[in-house]
Amino acid sequence: MYVSLEEEKRKLRGIKALNLSHTSVKDGTLYVITIKSCSGLLQLYLENCCRITELEDIDSGDSIEKVDRYASKPENNEDNDYVGGRGA
């Protein structure tokens, strides 16, 4: 089955909550994911992501309402699309 690049980009922009807890994501990758790819992101969970050192660019983003480095449980909101990491 063929899926166009534009269709994939549209899906990424629709993600509202993303759990990257317990992953080895780094600053640069996190920036690309949150700012460039998932522009509709509202909630970001980063528990035990020890390779992340800078959150200023992400915290100051216009769309992200919640950046959580400690508790990786998403708010219970049926309207949000949730993409979970390990243990989600």
N, C-alpha and C. Protein backbone atom coordinates (compact mmCIF):
# COMPACT_ATOMS: atom_id res chain seq x y z
N MET A 1 0.84 -1.18 0.00
CA MET A 1 0.00 0.00 0.00
C MET A 1 0.89 1.25 0.00
N TYR A 2 0.62 2.16 -0.88
CA TYR A 2 1.38 3.39 -1.03
C TYR A 2 0.77 4.50 -0.18
N VAL A 3 1.60 5.15 0.62
CA VAL A 3 1.16 6.30 1.41
C VAL A 3 2.04 7.47 1.03
N SER A 4 1.43 8.57 0.65
CA SER A 4 2.21 9.73 0.21
C SER A 4 2.89 10.42 1.39
N LEU A 5 3.95 11.12 1.08
CA LEU A 5 4.67 11.89 2.09
C LEU A 5 3.77 12.96 2.70
N GLU A 6 2.95 13.58 1.90
CA GLU A 6 2.03 14.60 2.41
C GLU A 6 1.02 14.00 3.39
N GLU A 7 0.57 12.80 3.12
CA GLU A 7 -0.37 12.13 4.02
C GLU A 7 0.31 11.81 5.36
N GLU A 8 1.56 11.38 5.30
CA GLU A 8 2.31 11.12 6.53
C GLU A 8 2.53 12.39 7.33
N LYS A 9 2.87 13.47 6.65
CA LYS A 9 3.06 14.75 7.34
C LYS A 9 1.77 15.21 8.01
N ARG A 10 0.64 15.01 7.35
CA ARG A 10 -0.66 15.38 7.91
C ARG A 10 -0.95 14.58 9.17
N LYS A 11 -0.60 13.30 9.15
CA LYS A 11 -0.80 12.46 10.35
C LYS A 11 0.06 12.95 11.50
N LEU A 12 1.31 13.29 11.23
CA LEU A 12 2.21 13.79 12.28
C LEU A 12 1.69 15.09 12.88
N ARG A 13 1.19 15.97 12.04
CA ARG A 13 0.67 17.26 12.54
C ARG A 13 -0.56 17.05 13.42
N GLY A 14 -1.24 15.91 13.28
CA GLY A 14 -2.44 15.65 14.06
C GLY A 14 -2.19 15.07 15.44
N ILE A 15 -0.94 14.71 15.75
CA ILE A 15 -0.63 14.14 17.07
C ILE A 15 -0.75 15.24 18.12
N LYS A 16 -1.53 14.96 19.17
CA LYS A 16 -1.76 15.94 20.24
C LYS A 16 -0.92 15.66 21.48
N ALA A 17 -0.66 14.39 21.78
CA ALA A 17 0.13 14.02 22.95
C ALA A 17 1.15 12.98 22.53
N LEU A 18 2.39 13.15 23.00
CA LEU A 18 3.47 12.26 22.62
C LEU A 18 4.26 11.87 23.86
N ASN A 19 4.39 10.56 24.08
CA ASN A 19 5.14 10.05 25.21
C ASN A 19 6.46 9.47 24.71
N LEU A 20 7.54 10.18 24.99
CA LEU A 20 8.88 9.72 24.64
C LEU A 20 9.64 9.25 25.88
N SER A 21 8.93 9.03 26.97
CA SER A 21 9.54 8.60 28.22
C SER A 21 10.36 7.33 28.02
N HIS A 22 11.49 7.27 28.73
CA HIS A 22 12.37 6.10 28.73
C HIS A 22 12.94 5.81 27.35
N THR A 23 13.13 6.84 26.55
CA THR A 23 13.78 6.67 25.25
C THR A 23 15.11 7.41 25.28
N SER A 24 15.92 7.21 24.26
CA SER A 24 17.23 7.87 24.21
C SER A 24 17.20 9.08 23.27
N VAL A 25 16.06 9.72 23.18
CA VAL A 25 15.92 10.90 22.32
C VAL A 25 16.87 12.00 22.79
N LYS A 26 17.45 12.72 21.82
CA LYS A 26 18.40 13.81 22.11
C LYS A 26 17.75 15.15 21.76
N ASP A 27 18.40 16.22 22.17
CA ASP A 27 17.88 17.58 21.97
C ASP A 27 17.50 17.86 20.51
N GLY A 28 18.40 17.61 19.59
CA GLY A 28 18.14 17.93 18.18
C GLY A 28 16.97 17.15 17.62
N THR A 29 16.91 15.87 17.94
CA THR A 29 15.81 15.04 17.47
C THR A 29 14.49 15.50 18.08
N LEU A 30 14.53 15.82 19.36
CA LEU A 30 13.32 16.28 20.03
C LEU A 30 12.81 17.58 19.40
N TYR A 31 13.72 18.46 19.06
CA TYR A 31 13.34 19.71 18.40
C TYR A 31 12.64 19.44 17.06
N VAL A 32 13.23 18.58 16.26
CA VAL A 32 12.64 18.27 14.95
C VAL A 32 11.27 17.63 15.13
N ILE A 33 11.15 16.70 16.07
CA ILE A 33 9.86 16.03 16.29
C ILE A 33 8.80 17.01 16.74
N THR A 34 9.12 17.81 17.73
CA THR A 34 8.10 18.65 18.36
C THR A 34 7.80 19.93 17.60
N ILE A 35 8.81 20.59 17.09
CA ILE A 35 8.61 21.88 16.44
C ILE A 35 8.35 21.74 14.95
N LYS A 36 9.10 20.89 14.29
CA LYS A 36 9.02 20.78 12.83
C LYS A 36 7.96 19.78 12.37
N SER A 37 7.88 18.61 13.00
CA SER A 37 7.02 17.54 12.49
C SER A 37 5.63 17.52 13.11
N CYS A 38 5.56 17.61 14.43
CA CYS A 38 4.29 17.48 15.14
C CYS A 38 3.80 18.86 15.59
N SER A 39 3.44 19.69 14.65
CA SER A 39 3.11 21.07 14.95
C SER A 39 1.83 21.22 15.78
N GLY A 40 1.00 20.20 15.84
CA GLY A 40 -0.23 20.26 16.63
C GLY A 40 -0.08 19.72 18.04
N LEU A 41 1.15 19.40 18.43
CA LEU A 41 1.43 18.77 19.71
C LEU A 41 1.04 19.68 20.88
N LEU A 42 0.29 19.13 21.83
CA LEU A 42 -0.12 19.88 23.02
C LEU A 42 0.54 19.37 24.29
N GLN A 43 0.80 18.05 24.36
CA GLN A 43 1.36 17.45 25.56
C GLN A 43 2.57 16.60 25.18
N LEU A 44 3.65 16.74 25.97
CA LEU A 44 4.88 16.01 25.70
C LEU A 44 5.38 15.42 27.01
N TYR A 45 5.63 14.11 27.02
CA TYR A 45 6.06 13.40 28.21
C TYR A 45 7.47 12.87 28.01
N LEU A 46 8.38 13.23 28.92
CA LEU A 46 9.81 12.96 28.75
C LEU A 46 10.44 12.34 29.99
N GLU A 47 9.71 11.54 30.73
CA GLU A 47 10.24 10.94 31.95
C GLU A 47 11.47 10.08 31.63
N ASN A 48 12.53 10.29 32.41
CA ASN A 48 13.77 9.51 32.31
C ASN A 48 14.42 9.62 30.93
N CYS A 49 14.36 10.78 30.32
CA CYS A 49 15.06 11.05 29.05
C CYS A 49 16.33 11.82 29.38
N CYS A 50 17.35 11.11 29.81
CA CYS A 50 18.55 11.76 30.35
C CYS A 50 19.42 12.43 29.30
N ARG A 51 19.19 12.19 28.02
CA ARG A 51 19.98 12.83 26.98
C ARG A 51 19.45 14.21 26.59
N ILE A 52 18.32 14.58 27.13
CA ILE A 52 17.76 15.90 26.85
C ILE A 52 18.33 16.89 27.85
N THR A 53 18.97 17.93 27.33
CA THR A 53 19.58 18.93 28.20
C THR A 53 18.95 20.30 28.04
N GLU A 54 18.32 20.57 26.91
CA GLU A 54 17.72 21.87 26.64
C GLU A 54 16.24 21.73 26.32
N LEU A 55 15.41 22.38 27.12
CA LEU A 55 13.97 22.37 26.86
C LEU A 55 13.42 23.76 26.59
N GLU A 56 14.28 24.77 26.60
CA GLU A 56 13.79 26.14 26.44
C GLU A 56 13.04 26.34 25.13
N ASP A 57 13.59 25.85 24.03
CA ASP A 57 12.93 26.02 22.73
C ASP A 57 11.56 25.35 22.71
N ILE A 58 11.47 24.22 23.36
CA ILE A 58 10.21 23.47 23.37
C ILE A 58 9.23 24.08 24.36
N ASP A 59 9.71 24.43 25.55
CA ASP A 59 8.84 25.06 26.55
C ASP A 59 8.26 26.37 26.06
N SER A 60 9.00 27.07 25.22
CA SER A 60 8.53 28.37 24.75
C SER A 60 7.69 28.26 23.47
N GLY A 61 7.49 27.04 23.00
CA GLY A 61 6.68 26.84 21.80
C GLY A 61 5.25 27.32 22.01
N ASP A 62 4.66 27.85 20.96
CA ASP A 62 3.32 28.41 21.07
C ASP A 62 2.25 27.35 21.31
N SER A 63 2.40 26.17 20.74
CA SER A 63 1.32 25.20 20.78
C SER A 63 1.38 24.25 21.96
N ILE A 64 2.57 23.93 22.46
CA ILE A 64 2.68 22.92 23.52
C ILE A 64 2.24 23.53 24.85
N GLU A 65 1.23 22.90 25.43
CA GLU A 65 0.67 23.38 26.69
C GLU A 65 1.33 22.72 27.89
N LYS A 66 1.83 21.49 27.72
CA LYS A 66 2.38 20.74 28.85
C LYS A 66 3.61 19.97 28.44
N VAL A 67 4.73 20.22 29.14
CA VAL A 67 5.95 19.44 28.99
C VAL A 67 6.22 18.83 30.35
N ASP A 68 6.19 17.50 30.41
CA ASP A 68 6.30 16.80 31.68
C ASP A 68 7.50 15.86 31.65
N ARG A 69 8.50 16.16 32.48
CA ARG A 69 9.70 15.31 32.53
C ARG A 69 9.63 14.27 33.63
N TYR A 70 8.60 14.27 34.45
CA TYR A 70 8.60 13.42 35.63
C TYR A 70 7.49 12.38 35.66
N ALA A 71 6.29 12.74 35.36
CA ALA A 71 5.17 11.79 35.38
C ALA A 71 4.66 11.61 33.96
N SER A 72 4.72 10.41 33.45
CA SER A 72 4.42 10.22 32.03
C SER A 72 3.00 9.73 31.78
N LYS A 73 2.07 10.07 32.64
CA LYS A 73 0.68 9.69 32.39
C LYS A 73 -0.04 10.83 31.71
N PRO A 74 -0.57 10.57 30.52
CA PRO A 74 -1.28 11.64 29.81
C PRO A 74 -2.60 11.98 30.48
N GLU A 75 -3.01 13.21 30.29
CA GLU A 75 -4.32 13.60 30.80
C GLU A 75 -5.38 12.81 30.06
N ASN A 76 -6.41 12.42 30.77
CA ASN A 76 -7.48 11.64 30.16
C ASN A 76 -8.40 12.56 29.38
N ASN A 77 -8.15 12.63 28.09
CA ASN A 77 -8.93 13.50 27.22
C ASN A 77 -9.20 12.75 25.94
N GLU A 78 -10.43 12.37 25.72
CA GLU A 78 -10.78 11.55 24.58
C GLU A 78 -10.57 12.26 23.25
N ASP A 79 -10.47 13.58 23.25
CA ASP A 79 -10.28 14.32 22.02
C ASP A 79 -8.84 14.30 21.55
N ASN A 80 -7.90 13.92 22.43
CA ASN A 80 -6.48 13.93 22.06
C ASN A 80 -6.07 12.61 21.44
N ASP A 81 -5.28 12.70 20.38
CA ASP A 81 -4.60 11.53 19.85
C ASP A 81 -3.38 11.36 20.72
N TYR A 82 -3.12 10.14 21.16
CA TYR A 82 -2.00 9.88 22.08
C TYR A 82 -1.08 8.85 21.46
N VAL A 83 0.17 9.17 21.38
CA VAL A 83 1.17 8.23 20.90
C VAL A 83 2.11 7.97 22.06
N GLY A 84 2.15 6.73 22.53
CA GLY A 84 2.91 6.41 23.73
C GLY A 84 4.23 5.76 23.44
N GLY A 85 5.13 5.92 24.42
CA GLY A 85 6.43 5.27 24.37
C GLY A 85 6.37 3.94 25.07
N ARG A 86 7.50 3.46 25.46
CA ARG A 86 7.59 2.19 26.15
C ARG A 86 6.79 2.25 27.45
N GLY A 87 6.02 1.25 27.73
CA GLY A 87 5.24 1.19 28.96
C GLY A 87 3.95 1.98 28.90
N ALA A 88 3.60 2.53 27.78
CA ALA A 88 2.38 3.33 27.67
C ALA A 88 1.20 2.45 27.33
